[in-house]
Amino acid sequence: MLVYPPDMERAMRAALPRLELVTGQGGHGWTLIDITDELGRWLASHRHAEAFFEEPSDLTPAIVDKFETELVTKIREQLSTAPADSVVALVGVGSIFPFLRASSVIKAIDDEVSGRLLVLFPGLHDPETHSFRLLDARDGFNYRARVIDPQKDIA
């Protein structure tokens, strides 16, 4: 988990080419999966899109569950084509908030990763409880991960 304050989102995205370069120099492949626009695309193509835009509360949990299923399937398809022992950078998890929990998406895909999963995570990490809070907005979730703090680990 590459945890950083949400206001650093653009800086972290700008650092992706450098991360890819360093990863390649370390002898590993690099695969970027960006889910930033997936919710918008999915909503725009939904047959009830106009109703959702007029009344967002019409997005019931059952409808959001369908989006999560489709998103997880799409990510897993991309993971299946990633080279073995590569770093897979998952970008855009902030864009699914507040509709989906990042923890459920991560847990649904992590068994498909053959190398390392690097999740760019705009939020907070509590080292005492080892919990993560996406955009500092929800109760945290526990996830066994090595935390990369850009304030400390990236020069």
C-alpha atoms as a PDB file:
ATOM      1  CA  MET A   1       0.000   0.000   0.000  1.00  0.00           C
ATOM      2  CA  LEU A   2       1.433   3.325  -1.060  1.00  0.00           C
ATOM      3  CA  VAL A   3      -0.353   5.561   1.436  1.00  0.00           C
ATOM      4  CA  TYR A   4      -0.355   9.307   0.937  1.00  0.00           C
ATOM      5  CA  PRO A   5      -2.504  12.311   1.812  1.00  0.00           C
ATOM      6  CA  PRO A   6      -5.360  12.749  -0.665  1.00  0.00           C
ATOM      7  CA  ASP A   7      -4.068  16.183  -1.689  1.00  0.00           C
ATOM      8  CA  MET A   8      -0.951  14.476  -3.100  1.00  0.00           C
ATOM      9  CA  GLU A   9      -2.926  12.508  -5.709  1.00  0.00           C
ATOM     10  CA  ARG A  10      -1.558  14.425  -8.706  1.00  0.00           C
ATOM     11  CA  ALA A  11       2.014  14.240  -7.435  1.00  0.00           C
ATOM     12  CA  MET A  12       1.704  10.481  -6.933  1.00  0.00           C
ATOM     13  CA  ARG A  13       0.319   9.983 -10.420  1.00  0.00           C
ATOM     14  CA  ALA A  14       3.137  12.115 -11.805  1.00  0.00           C
ATOM     15  CA  ALA A  15       5.603   9.813 -10.022  1.00  0.00           C
ATOM     16  CA  LEU A  16       4.258   6.663 -11.728  1.00  0.00           C
ATOM     17  CA  PRO A  17       6.709   6.739 -14.672  1.00  0.00           C
ATOM     18  CA  ARG A  18       9.581   6.995 -12.200  1.00  0.00           C
ATOM     19  CA  LEU A  19       8.197   4.078 -10.188  1.00  0.00           C
ATOM     20  CA  GLU A  20       7.904   2.057 -13.387  1.00  0.00           C
ATOM     21  CA  LEU A  21      11.500   2.872 -14.316  1.00  0.00           C
ATOM     22  CA  VAL A  22      12.858   1.912 -10.899  1.00  0.00           C
ATOM     23  CA  THR A  23      10.808  -1.281 -10.925  1.00  0.00           C
ATOM     24  CA  GLY A  24      12.245  -2.225 -14.329  1.00  0.00           C
ATOM     25  CA  GLN A  25      15.762  -1.448 -13.130  1.00  0.00           C
ATOM     26  CA  GLY A  26      15.089  -3.849 -10.263  1.00  0.00           C
ATOM     27  CA  GLY A  27      14.369  -6.607 -12.775  1.00  0.00           C
ATOM     28  CA  HIS A  28      10.597  -6.686 -12.419  1.00  0.00           C
ATOM     29  CA  GLY A  29       7.800  -6.080 -14.876  1.00  0.00           C
ATOM     30  CA  TRP A  30       5.257  -3.305 -14.433  1.00  0.00           C
ATOM     31  CA  THR A  31       1.537  -3.357 -15.079  1.00  0.00           C
ATOM     32  CA  LEU A  32      -0.654  -0.310 -14.459  1.00  0.00           C
ATOM     33  CA  ILE A  33      -4.361  -0.772 -13.802  1.00  0.00           C
ATOM     34  CA  ASP A  34      -6.194   2.534 -13.544  1.00  0.00           C
ATOM     35  CA  ILE A  35      -9.788   2.308 -12.342  1.00  0.00           C
ATOM     36  CA  THR A  36     -10.324   6.057 -12.028  1.00  0.00           C
ATOM     37  CA  ASP A  37     -12.937   6.307 -14.771  1.00  0.00           C
ATOM     38  CA  GLU A  38     -14.605   2.919 -14.343  1.00  0.00           C
ATOM     39  CA  LEU A  39     -17.506   4.077 -12.169  1.00  0.00           C
ATOM     40  CA  GLY A  40     -18.302   6.977 -14.503  1.00  0.00           C
ATOM     41  CA  ARG A  41     -18.168   4.751 -17.579  1.00  0.00           C
ATOM     42  CA  TRP A  42     -20.319   2.130 -15.936  1.00  0.00           C
ATOM     43  CA  LEU A  43     -22.903   4.671 -14.778  1.00  0.00           C
ATOM     44  CA  ALA A  44     -22.993   6.426 -18.154  1.00  0.00           C
ATOM     45  CA  SER A  45     -23.673   3.150 -19.959  1.00  0.00           C
ATOM     46  CA  HIS A  46     -26.322   1.949 -17.496  1.00  0.00           C
ATOM     47  CA  ARG A  47     -29.874   1.912 -18.824  1.00  0.00           C
ATOM     48  CA  HIS A  48     -31.024   4.013 -15.853  1.00  0.00           C
ATOM     49  CA  ALA A  49     -28.138   6.482 -16.019  1.00  0.00           C
ATOM     50  CA  GLU A  50     -30.323   9.561 -16.277  1.00  0.00           C
ATOM     51  CA  ALA A  51     -32.326   8.530 -13.219  1.00  0.00           C
ATOM     52  CA  PHE A  52     -29.128   7.971 -11.221  1.00  0.00           C
ATOM     53  CA  PHE A  53     -27.814  11.392 -12.179  1.00  0.00           C
ATOM     54  CA  GLU A  54     -31.101  13.029 -11.210  1.00  0.00           C
ATOM     55  CA  GLU A  55     -31.465  11.056  -7.990  1.00  0.00           C
ATOM     56  CA  PRO A  56     -28.210   9.440  -6.776  1.00  0.00           C
ATOM     57  CA  SER A  57     -30.082   7.722  -3.942  1.00  0.00           C
ATOM     58  CA  ASP A  58     -31.550   5.440  -6.633  1.00  0.00           C
ATOM     59  CA  LEU A  59     -28.171   3.685  -6.665  1.00  0.00           C
ATOM     60  CA  THR A  60     -29.264   0.887  -4.384  1.00  0.00           C
ATOM     61  CA  PRO A  61     -26.795  -1.548  -2.806  1.00  0.00           C
ATOM     62  CA  ALA A  62     -27.885  -4.212  -5.311  1.00  0.00           C
ATOM     63  CA  ILE A  63     -27.023  -1.941  -8.245  1.00  0.00           C
ATOM     64  CA  VAL A  64     -23.685  -0.977  -6.709  1.00  0.00           C
ATOM     65  CA  ASP A  65     -22.949  -4.682  -6.107  1.00  0.00           C
ATOM     66  CA  LYS A  66     -23.333  -5.249  -9.857  1.00  0.00           C
ATOM     67  CA  PHE A  67     -20.776  -2.540 -10.512  1.00  0.00           C
ATOM     68  CA  GLU A  68     -18.387  -4.109  -8.013  1.00  0.00           C
ATOM     69  CA  THR A  69     -18.746  -7.504  -9.680  1.00  0.00           C
ATOM     70  CA  GLU A  70     -18.024  -6.011 -13.103  1.00  0.00           C
ATOM     71  CA  LEU A  71     -15.097  -3.962 -11.779  1.00  0.00           C
ATOM     72  CA  VAL A  72     -13.517  -6.952 -10.052  1.00  0.00           C
ATOM     73  CA  THR A  73     -13.953  -9.051 -13.210  1.00  0.00           C
ATOM     74  CA  LYS A  74     -12.302  -6.358 -15.313  1.00  0.00           C
ATOM     75  CA  ILE A  75      -9.365  -6.003 -12.920  1.00  0.00           C
ATOM     76  CA  ARG A  76      -8.920  -9.777 -12.677  1.00  0.00           C
ATOM     77  CA  GLU A  77      -8.834 -10.008 -16.491  1.00  0.00           C
ATOM     78  CA  GLN A  78      -6.053  -7.428 -16.593  1.00  0.00           C
ATOM     79  CA  LEU A  79      -4.198  -9.234 -13.805  1.00  0.00           C
ATOM     80  CA  SER A  80      -4.354 -12.511 -15.718  1.00  0.00           C
ATOM     81  CA  THR A  81      -2.316 -10.957 -18.529  1.00  0.00           C
ATOM     82  CA  ALA A  82       0.291  -9.352 -16.255  1.00  0.00           C
ATOM     83  CA  PRO A  83       3.739 -10.936 -16.471  1.00  0.00           C
ATOM     84  CA  ALA A  84       4.667 -13.218 -13.582  1.00  0.00           C
ATOM     85  CA  ASP A  85       6.705 -11.562 -10.849  1.00  0.00           C
ATOM     86  CA  SER A  86       5.670  -8.102 -11.957  1.00  0.00           C
ATOM     87  CA  VAL A  87       4.496  -5.172  -9.910  1.00  0.00           C
ATOM     88  CA  VAL A  88       0.854  -4.390 -10.566  1.00  0.00           C
ATOM     89  CA  ALA A  89       0.028  -0.796  -9.684  1.00  0.00           C
ATOM     90  CA  LEU A  90      -3.647  -0.272  -8.917  1.00  0.00           C
ATOM     91  CA  VAL A  91      -4.502   3.409  -9.315  1.00  0.00           C
ATOM     92  CA  GLY A  92      -7.767   5.232  -8.747  1.00  0.00           C
ATOM     93  CA  VAL A  93      -9.221   3.497  -5.684  1.00  0.00           C
ATOM     94  CA  GLY A  94     -10.328   6.897  -4.393  1.00  0.00           C
ATOM     95  CA  SER A  95     -12.728   7.173  -7.334  1.00  0.00           C
ATOM     96  CA  ILE A  96     -14.890   4.309  -6.091  1.00  0.00           C
ATOM     97  CA  PHE A  97     -15.572   6.065  -2.794  1.00  0.00           C
ATOM     98  CA  PRO A  98     -18.233   6.202  -1.321  1.00  0.00           C
ATOM     99  CA  PHE A  99     -19.918   3.561  -3.463  1.00  0.00           C
ATOM    100  CA  LEU A 100     -17.518   0.680  -2.880  1.00  0.00           C
ATOM    101  CA  ARG A 101     -15.099  -0.263  -0.162  1.00  0.00           C
ATOM    102  CA  ALA A 102     -11.524  -0.435  -1.376  1.00  0.00           C
ATOM    103  CA  SER A 103     -10.970  -3.332   1.011  1.00  0.00           C
ATOM    104  CA  SER A 104     -13.557  -5.534  -0.715  1.00  0.00           C
ATOM    105  CA  VAL A 105     -12.128  -4.822  -4.171  1.00  0.00           C
ATOM    106  CA  ILE A 106      -8.562  -5.505  -3.011  1.00  0.00           C
ATOM    107  CA  LYS A 107      -9.542  -8.730  -1.264  1.00  0.00           C
ATOM    108  CA  ALA A 108     -11.446  -9.873  -4.362  1.00  0.00           C
ATOM    109  CA  ILE A 109      -8.419  -9.497  -6.636  1.00  0.00           C
ATOM    110  CA  ASP A 110      -5.343 -10.186  -4.537  1.00  0.00           C
ATOM    111  CA  ASP A 111      -5.303 -13.936  -5.205  1.00  0.00           C
ATOM    112  CA  GLU A 112      -4.978 -13.236  -8.940  1.00  0.00           C
ATOM    113  CA  VAL A 113      -1.736 -11.270  -8.476  1.00  0.00           C
ATOM    114  CA  SER A 114       1.292 -13.421  -9.261  1.00  0.00           C
ATOM    115  CA  GLY A 115       3.832 -10.744  -8.360  1.00  0.00           C
ATOM    116  CA  ARG A 116       3.269  -7.742  -6.113  1.00  0.00           C
ATOM    117  CA  LEU A 117       0.193  -5.565  -5.835  1.00  0.00           C
ATOM    118  CA  LEU A 118       0.950  -1.876  -5.290  1.00  0.00           C
ATOM    119  CA  VAL A 119      -2.202   0.020  -4.338  1.00  0.00           C
ATOM    120  CA  LEU A 120      -1.962   3.803  -4.534  1.00  0.00           C
ATOM    121  CA  PHE A 121      -4.005   4.709  -1.497  1.00  0.00           C
ATOM    122  CA  PRO A 122      -5.058   8.295  -0.815  1.00  0.00           C
ATOM    123  CA  GLY A 123      -5.809   8.135   2.860  1.00  0.00           C
ATOM    124  CA  LEU A 124      -4.344   7.241   6.205  1.00  0.00           C
ATOM    125  CA  HIS A 125      -2.647   4.278   7.802  1.00  0.00           C
ATOM    126  CA  ASP A 126      -2.705   3.689  11.543  1.00  0.00           C
ATOM    127  CA  PRO A 127       0.426   1.682  12.388  1.00  0.00           C
ATOM    128  CA  GLU A 128      -0.907   0.689  15.818  1.00  0.00           C
ATOM    129  CA  THR A 129      -4.030  -1.033  14.476  1.00  0.00           C
ATOM    130  CA  HIS A 130      -2.588  -1.577  10.982  1.00  0.00           C
ATOM    131  CA  SER A 131      -5.805  -0.190   9.535  1.00  0.00           C
ATOM    132  CA  PHE A 132      -6.295   1.944   6.456  1.00  0.00           C
ATOM    133  CA  ARG A 133      -8.827   4.736   5.905  1.00  0.00           C
ATOM    134  CA  LEU A 134      -9.541   5.689   2.306  1.00  0.00           C
ATOM    135  CA  LEU A 135      -9.778   9.480   1.996  1.00  0.00           C
ATOM    136  CA  ASP A 136      -9.943   9.514   5.824  1.00  0.00           C
ATOM    137  CA  ALA A 137     -13.687   9.087   5.507  1.00  0.00           C
ATOM    138  CA  ARG A 138     -14.705   5.624   6.722  1.00  0.00           C
ATOM    139  CA  ASP A 139     -13.815   3.276   9.491  1.00  0.00           C
ATOM    140  CA  GLY A 140     -10.549   1.665   8.587  1.00  0.00           C
ATOM    141  CA  PHE A 141     -10.016  -1.841   7.332  1.00  0.00           C
ATOM    142  CA  ASN A 142      -7.225  -4.198   8.241  1.00  0.00           C
ATOM    143  CA  TYR A 143      -5.129  -5.469   5.380  1.00  0.00           C
ATOM    144  CA  ARG A 144      -1.836  -7.264   5.681  1.00  0.00           C
ATOM    145  CA  ALA A 145       0.458  -5.088   3.602  1.00  0.00           C
ATOM    146  CA  ARG A 146       3.790  -3.367   3.659  1.00  0.00           C
ATOM    147  CA  VAL A 147       3.077   0.307   3.935  1.00  0.00           C
ATOM    148  CA  ILE A 148       5.065   2.678   1.749  1.00  0.00           C
ATOM    149  CA  ASP A 149       4.993   6.197   3.110  1.00  0.00           C
ATOM    150  CA  PRO A 150       5.974   8.684   0.364  1.00  0.00           C
ATOM    151  CA  GLN A 151       6.970  11.174   3.040  1.00  0.00           C
ATOM    152  CA  LYS A 152       9.632   8.711   4.249  1.00  0.00           C
ATOM    153  CA  ASP A 153      10.271   6.064   1.590  1.00  0.00           C
ATOM    154  CA  ILE A 154      10.323   8.010  -1.678  1.00  0.00           C
ATOM    155  CA  ALA A 155      13.052  10.547  -2.073  1.00  0.00           C
END
